[in-house]
């Protein structure tokens, strides 16, 4: 491996660590209730718990309505909070359009910035 290749690999690893993604769902615990009280939309009201070893910043979640075979038929993104400390929870409310054929829902962290240090 050349020196340049090593530097590129190190930069890629550092950038991957600085940018949070939905692939890191193991760092978060999400609970929610489904409110179908309106005919045009479904509200998912819940909590995001930060199980990461550090605080996280600029947290957003994506709510998805799925059909019987698991295909996404509607979605919505909502901002949760600017900071969630390690072990803390923050409330969220996400809205997705009420779509015929939606049989279940899924909520995941769509973006966040991890804090530095342990």
C-alpha atoms as a PDB file:
ATOM      1  CA  UNK A   1       0.000   0.000   0.000  1.00  0.00           C
ATOM      2  CA  UNK A   2       1.451   3.347  -1.002  1.00  0.00           C
ATOM      3  CA  UNK A   3       1.623   6.311   1.360  1.00  0.00           C
ATOM      4  CA  UNK A   4      -1.031   8.139  -0.668  1.00  0.00           C
ATOM      5  CA  UNK A   5      -3.382   5.137  -0.509  1.00  0.00           C
ATOM      6  CA  UNK A   6      -2.895   4.974   3.281  1.00  0.00           C
ATOM      7  CA  UNK A   7      -3.703   8.664   3.658  1.00  0.00           C
ATOM      8  CA  UNK A   8      -6.840   8.314   1.518  1.00  0.00           C
ATOM      9  CA  UNK A   9      -7.943   5.296   3.564  1.00  0.00           C
ATOM     10  CA  UNK A  10      -7.396   7.143   6.849  1.00  0.00           C
ATOM     11  CA  UNK A  11      -9.326  10.187   5.626  1.00  0.00           C
ATOM     12  CA  UNK A  12     -12.208   7.947   4.503  1.00  0.00           C
ATOM     13  CA  UNK A  13     -12.368   6.261   7.922  1.00  0.00           C
ATOM     14  CA  UNK A  14     -12.309   9.610   9.752  1.00  0.00           C
ATOM     15  CA  UNK A  15     -15.045  11.062   7.533  1.00  0.00           C
ATOM     16  CA  UNK A  16     -17.183   7.966   7.988  1.00  0.00           C
ATOM     17  CA  UNK A  17     -16.852   8.381  11.755  1.00  0.00           C
ATOM     18  CA  UNK A  18     -17.834  12.046  11.645  1.00  0.00           C
ATOM     19  CA  UNK A  19     -20.956  11.599   9.531  1.00  0.00           C
ATOM     20  CA  UNK A  20     -23.788   9.646  11.078  1.00  0.00           C
ATOM     21  CA  UNK A  21     -26.188   7.685   8.935  1.00  0.00           C
ATOM     22  CA  UNK A  22     -29.146   5.374   9.131  1.00  0.00           C
ATOM     23  CA  UNK A  23     -26.654   2.481   8.997  1.00  0.00           C
ATOM     24  CA  UNK A  24     -25.796   3.232  12.627  1.00  0.00           C
ATOM     25  CA  UNK A  25     -29.206   2.321  14.044  1.00  0.00           C
ATOM     26  CA  UNK A  26     -27.537   0.277  16.773  1.00  0.00           C
ATOM     27  CA  UNK A  27     -26.617   3.583  18.438  1.00  0.00           C
ATOM     28  CA  UNK A  28     -30.267   4.565  18.884  1.00  0.00           C
ATOM     29  CA  UNK A  29     -33.379   3.088  20.455  1.00  0.00           C
ATOM     30  CA  UNK A  30     -36.660   4.321  19.000  1.00  0.00           C
ATOM     31  CA  UNK A  31     -40.120   3.782  20.417  1.00  0.00           C
ATOM     32  CA  UNK A  32     -43.321   5.227  19.010  1.00  0.00           C
ATOM     33  CA  UNK A  33     -47.094   5.038  18.902  1.00  0.00           C
ATOM     34  CA  UNK A  34     -49.168   5.259  15.734  1.00  0.00           C
ATOM     35  CA  UNK A  35     -52.001   7.806  15.662  1.00  0.00           C
ATOM     36  CA  UNK A  36     -54.401   7.314  12.727  1.00  0.00           C
ATOM     37  CA  UNK A  37     -56.867   9.894  14.036  1.00  0.00           C
ATOM     38  CA  UNK A  38     -56.900  11.947  10.821  1.00  0.00           C
ATOM     39  CA  UNK A  39     -58.014  10.566   7.467  1.00  0.00           C
ATOM     40  CA  UNK A  40     -55.238  12.299   5.474  1.00  0.00           C
ATOM     41  CA  UNK A  41     -52.193  11.581   7.651  1.00  0.00           C
ATOM     42  CA  UNK A  42     -50.664   9.240  10.204  1.00  0.00           C
ATOM     43  CA  UNK A  43     -48.726  10.662  13.140  1.00  0.00           C
ATOM     44  CA  UNK A  44     -45.908   8.646  14.698  1.00  0.00           C
ATOM     45  CA  UNK A  45     -45.218  10.023  18.171  1.00  0.00           C
ATOM     46  CA  UNK A  46     -42.266   8.688  20.106  1.00  0.00           C
ATOM     47  CA  UNK A  47     -38.841   8.942  21.683  1.00  0.00           C
ATOM     48  CA  UNK A  48     -35.288   8.600  20.357  1.00  0.00           C
ATOM     49  CA  UNK A  49     -32.800   7.354  22.952  1.00  0.00           C
ATOM     50  CA  UNK A  50     -29.084   7.895  22.351  1.00  0.00           C
ATOM     51  CA  UNK A  51     -27.311   4.621  23.195  1.00  0.00           C
ATOM     52  CA  UNK A  52     -24.062   5.905  21.664  1.00  0.00           C
ATOM     53  CA  UNK A  53     -20.976   6.329  23.869  1.00  0.00           C
ATOM     54  CA  UNK A  54     -21.006  10.086  23.159  1.00  0.00           C
ATOM     55  CA  UNK A  55     -23.548  12.845  22.751  1.00  0.00           C
ATOM     56  CA  UNK A  56     -25.022  13.346  19.275  1.00  0.00           C
ATOM     57  CA  UNK A  57     -26.067  16.490  17.445  1.00  0.00           C
ATOM     58  CA  UNK A  58     -28.590  17.546  14.787  1.00  0.00           C
ATOM     59  CA  UNK A  59     -30.707  14.386  14.995  1.00  0.00           C
ATOM     60  CA  UNK A  60     -33.481  13.720  12.464  1.00  0.00           C
ATOM     61  CA  UNK A  61     -35.712  10.691  11.959  1.00  0.00           C
ATOM     62  CA  UNK A  62     -37.423   9.239   8.907  1.00  0.00           C
ATOM     63  CA  UNK A  63     -40.871   7.697   9.295  1.00  0.00           C
ATOM     64  CA  UNK A  64     -41.992   5.252   6.612  1.00  0.00           C
ATOM     65  CA  UNK A  65     -45.303   3.603   5.836  1.00  0.00           C
ATOM     66  CA  UNK A  66     -44.840   0.087   4.439  1.00  0.00           C
ATOM     67  CA  UNK A  67     -47.208  -2.146   2.498  1.00  0.00           C
ATOM     68  CA  UNK A  68     -47.753  -5.861   3.156  1.00  0.00           C
ATOM     69  CA  UNK A  69     -44.572  -6.873   1.298  1.00  0.00           C
ATOM     70  CA  UNK A  70     -42.404  -4.234   3.016  1.00  0.00           C
ATOM     71  CA  UNK A  71     -42.263  -1.683   0.205  1.00  0.00           C
ATOM     72  CA  UNK A  72     -42.171   1.965   1.296  1.00  0.00           C
ATOM     73  CA  UNK A  73     -45.409   3.639   0.169  1.00  0.00           C
ATOM     74  CA  UNK A  74     -45.039   6.961   2.037  1.00  0.00           C
ATOM     75  CA  UNK A  75     -42.419   8.699   4.145  1.00  0.00           C
ATOM     76  CA  UNK A  76     -41.654  11.819   6.113  1.00  0.00           C
ATOM     77  CA  UNK A  77     -38.577  13.276   7.807  1.00  0.00           C
ATOM     78  CA  UNK A  78     -38.617  15.336  10.970  1.00  0.00           C
ATOM     79  CA  UNK A  79     -35.994  17.109  13.055  1.00  0.00           C
ATOM     80  CA  UNK A  80     -35.707  15.756  16.600  1.00  0.00           C
ATOM     81  CA  UNK A  81     -33.224  17.949  18.470  1.00  0.00           C
ATOM     82  CA  UNK A  82     -29.927  19.811  18.218  1.00  0.00           C
ATOM     83  CA  UNK A  83     -28.320  17.694  20.959  1.00  0.00           C
ATOM     84  CA  UNK A  84     -29.057  14.399  22.679  1.00  0.00           C
ATOM     85  CA  UNK A  85     -26.703  13.487  25.505  1.00  0.00           C
ATOM     86  CA  UNK A  86     -25.406   9.945  25.970  1.00  0.00           C
ATOM     87  CA  UNK A  87     -28.219   7.850  27.479  1.00  0.00           C
ATOM     88  CA  UNK A  88     -30.812  10.610  27.100  1.00  0.00           C
ATOM     89  CA  UNK A  89     -34.095  10.537  25.167  1.00  0.00           C
ATOM     90  CA  UNK A  90     -35.849  13.223  23.135  1.00  0.00           C
ATOM     91  CA  UNK A  91     -39.432  13.237  21.837  1.00  0.00           C
ATOM     92  CA  UNK A  92     -40.401  13.424  18.180  1.00  0.00           C
ATOM     93  CA  UNK A  93     -43.534  13.617  16.096  1.00  0.00           C
ATOM     94  CA  UNK A  94     -43.334  12.498  12.474  1.00  0.00           C
ATOM     95  CA  UNK A  95     -46.149  12.660   9.933  1.00  0.00           C
ATOM     96  CA  UNK A  96     -46.639  10.504   6.847  1.00  0.00           C
ATOM     97  CA  UNK A  97     -49.510  10.707   4.374  1.00  0.00           C
ATOM     98  CA  UNK A  98     -52.288   8.160   4.936  1.00  0.00           C
ATOM     99  CA  UNK A  99     -51.893   5.826   1.962  1.00  0.00           C
ATOM    100  CA  UNK A 100     -54.113   2.891   0.994  1.00  0.00           C
ATOM    101  CA  UNK A 101     -52.226  -0.351   1.454  1.00  0.00           C
ATOM    102  CA  UNK A 102     -49.992   0.832   4.301  1.00  0.00           C
ATOM    103  CA  UNK A 103     -50.021  -1.975   6.852  1.00  0.00           C
ATOM    104  CA  UNK A 104     -47.124  -1.058   9.150  1.00  0.00           C
ATOM    105  CA  UNK A 105     -44.647   1.699   9.928  1.00  0.00           C
ATOM    106  CA  UNK A 106     -40.930   2.051  10.514  1.00  0.00           C
ATOM    107  CA  UNK A 107     -38.966   4.904  12.121  1.00  0.00           C
ATOM    108  CA  UNK A 108     -35.189   5.251  11.909  1.00  0.00           C
ATOM    109  CA  UNK A 109     -32.589   7.919  12.527  1.00  0.00           C
ATOM    110  CA  UNK A 110     -31.939   9.437   9.122  1.00  0.00           C
ATOM    111  CA  UNK A 111     -29.092  11.760  10.107  1.00  0.00           C
ATOM    112  CA  UNK A 112     -27.013  12.936  13.046  1.00  0.00           C
ATOM    113  CA  UNK A 113     -23.550  14.197  13.914  1.00  0.00           C
ATOM    114  CA  UNK A 114     -21.665  12.241  16.588  1.00  0.00           C
ATOM    115  CA  UNK A 115     -19.840  14.046  19.380  1.00  0.00           C
ATOM    116  CA  UNK A 116     -16.117  13.637  19.846  1.00  0.00           C
ATOM    117  CA  UNK A 117     -14.532  11.651  22.654  1.00  0.00           C
ATOM    118  CA  UNK A 118     -15.788   8.928  24.909  1.00  0.00           C
END
